[in-house]
Protein backbone atom coordinates (compact mmCIF):
# COMPACT_ATOMS: atom_id res chain seq x y z
CA MET A 1 84.93 254.66 359.42
CA ILE A 2 86.74 256.57 356.79
CA GLU A 3 89.36 254.73 354.26
CA LEU A 4 91.78 256.17 352.51
CA GLU A 5 94.83 254.52 350.08
CA VAL A 6 97.83 256.73 348.72
CA TYR A 7 100.45 255.98 346.25
CA ALA A 8 103.62 257.89 346.88
CA GLY A 9 106.45 256.93 344.72
CA GLU A 10 110.11 256.10 346.42
CA LEU A 11 108.44 255.86 349.46
CA CYS A 12 110.19 253.11 349.98
CA ALA A 13 112.79 254.69 351.27
CA LEU A 14 113.13 253.87 354.95
CA ASN A 15 113.93 258.33 355.87
CA LYS A 16 110.83 258.84 354.53
CA ILE A 17 109.01 256.37 356.08
CA LEU A 18 110.24 257.42 359.19
CA GLU A 19 109.45 260.97 358.32
CA LEU A 20 106.26 260.31 357.29
CA ASP A 21 105.66 258.01 360.87
CA HIS A 22 106.22 261.13 362.45
CA HIS A 23 103.84 263.59 360.70
CA LEU A 24 100.89 260.82 360.35
CA GLU A 25 101.59 259.54 364.44
CA ALA A 26 99.78 263.13 365.08
CA ILE A 27 97.13 262.70 363.70
CA ALA A 28 94.10 262.20 366.13
CA GLY A 29 91.90 259.46 365.58
CA LEU A 30 94.23 258.06 362.00
CA CYS A 31 95.82 254.64 361.86
CA TYR A 32 97.68 253.48 359.03
CA LYS A 33 99.77 250.94 357.41
CA VAL A 34 102.75 252.19 354.93
CA ASP A 35 103.36 249.15 352.79
CA SER A 36 106.78 250.10 351.11
CA ASN A 37 107.28 247.45 348.59
CA HIS A 38 104.87 248.68 346.64
CA ASP A 39 104.94 252.53 347.80
CA LEU A 40 101.43 252.59 349.47
CA VAL A 41 99.76 253.96 352.27
CA TYR A 42 96.69 253.11 354.02
CA LEU A 43 94.94 255.25 356.02
CA GLU A 44 91.61 254.79 358.28
CA LEU A 45 89.70 257.75 360.81
CA ASP A 46 87.03 257.28 362.96
CA GLU A 47 85.72 260.55 362.56
CA PRO A 48 87.27 263.17 359.45
CA THR A 49 89.98 264.79 361.61
CA ILE A 50 92.10 265.88 358.77
CA LEU A 51 91.14 266.89 355.58
CA VAL A 52 91.99 265.81 351.88
CA HIS A 53 94.55 268.72 350.97
CA GLU A 54 96.48 268.76 354.36
CA ILE A 55 97.03 264.99 353.76
CA HIS A 56 98.39 265.87 350.60
CA ALA A 57 100.60 268.84 352.14
CA ILE A 58 101.95 266.19 354.64
CA PHE A 59 103.11 264.02 351.34
CA LEU A 60 104.45 266.92 349.34
CA LYS A 61 106.44 268.44 351.98
CA LEU A 62 108.10 265.29 352.19
CA GLY A 63 109.46 264.74 348.75
CA LEU A 64 106.50 262.46 347.76
CA ASN A 65 104.18 263.35 345.38
CA PRO A 66 100.74 261.53 346.44
CA ARG A 67 98.31 259.84 344.45
CA PHE A 68 94.66 259.58 346.31
CA ILE A 69 93.70 255.60 345.27
CA GLY A 70 89.67 254.84 344.55
CA ALA A 71 87.10 257.53 345.65
CA MET A 72 87.51 260.23 347.06
CA PRO A 73 85.44 260.08 351.08
CA ALA A 74 83.18 263.50 351.13
CA GLU A 75 84.32 263.22 354.52
CA LEU A 76 87.95 264.48 353.74
CA ARG A 77 87.05 267.11 351.01
CA PRO A 78 86.63 270.47 351.90
CA LYS A 79 83.30 272.52 352.92
CA PRO A 80 82.17 275.32 350.49
CA LYS A 81 82.16 278.51 352.23
CA THR A 82 79.60 280.03 350.78
CA GLU A 83 75.68 278.63 350.01
CA PRO A 84 74.91 278.50 346.01
CA LEU A 85 71.65 281.49 345.51
CA ARG A 86 68.36 280.04 345.37
CA VAL A 87 66.25 281.65 342.70
């Protein structure tokens, strides 16, 4: 299981929570919980079906500035498209 915690100031507005719910429910295998009192979103994935920059884009689209809390799971980071040269 992959866990991620996101702080998003101004998330306590009901319309923002509903918009976020609309975007997050479309992601396969994602479970999430919104703590509107503290502007936090807890995300859980069974497998990496979305990358961090895509999650970041969802929040930005809603006018929220997401801050990821804790270590970033390696499975959610973009994979390099090239490999380093071996000498």
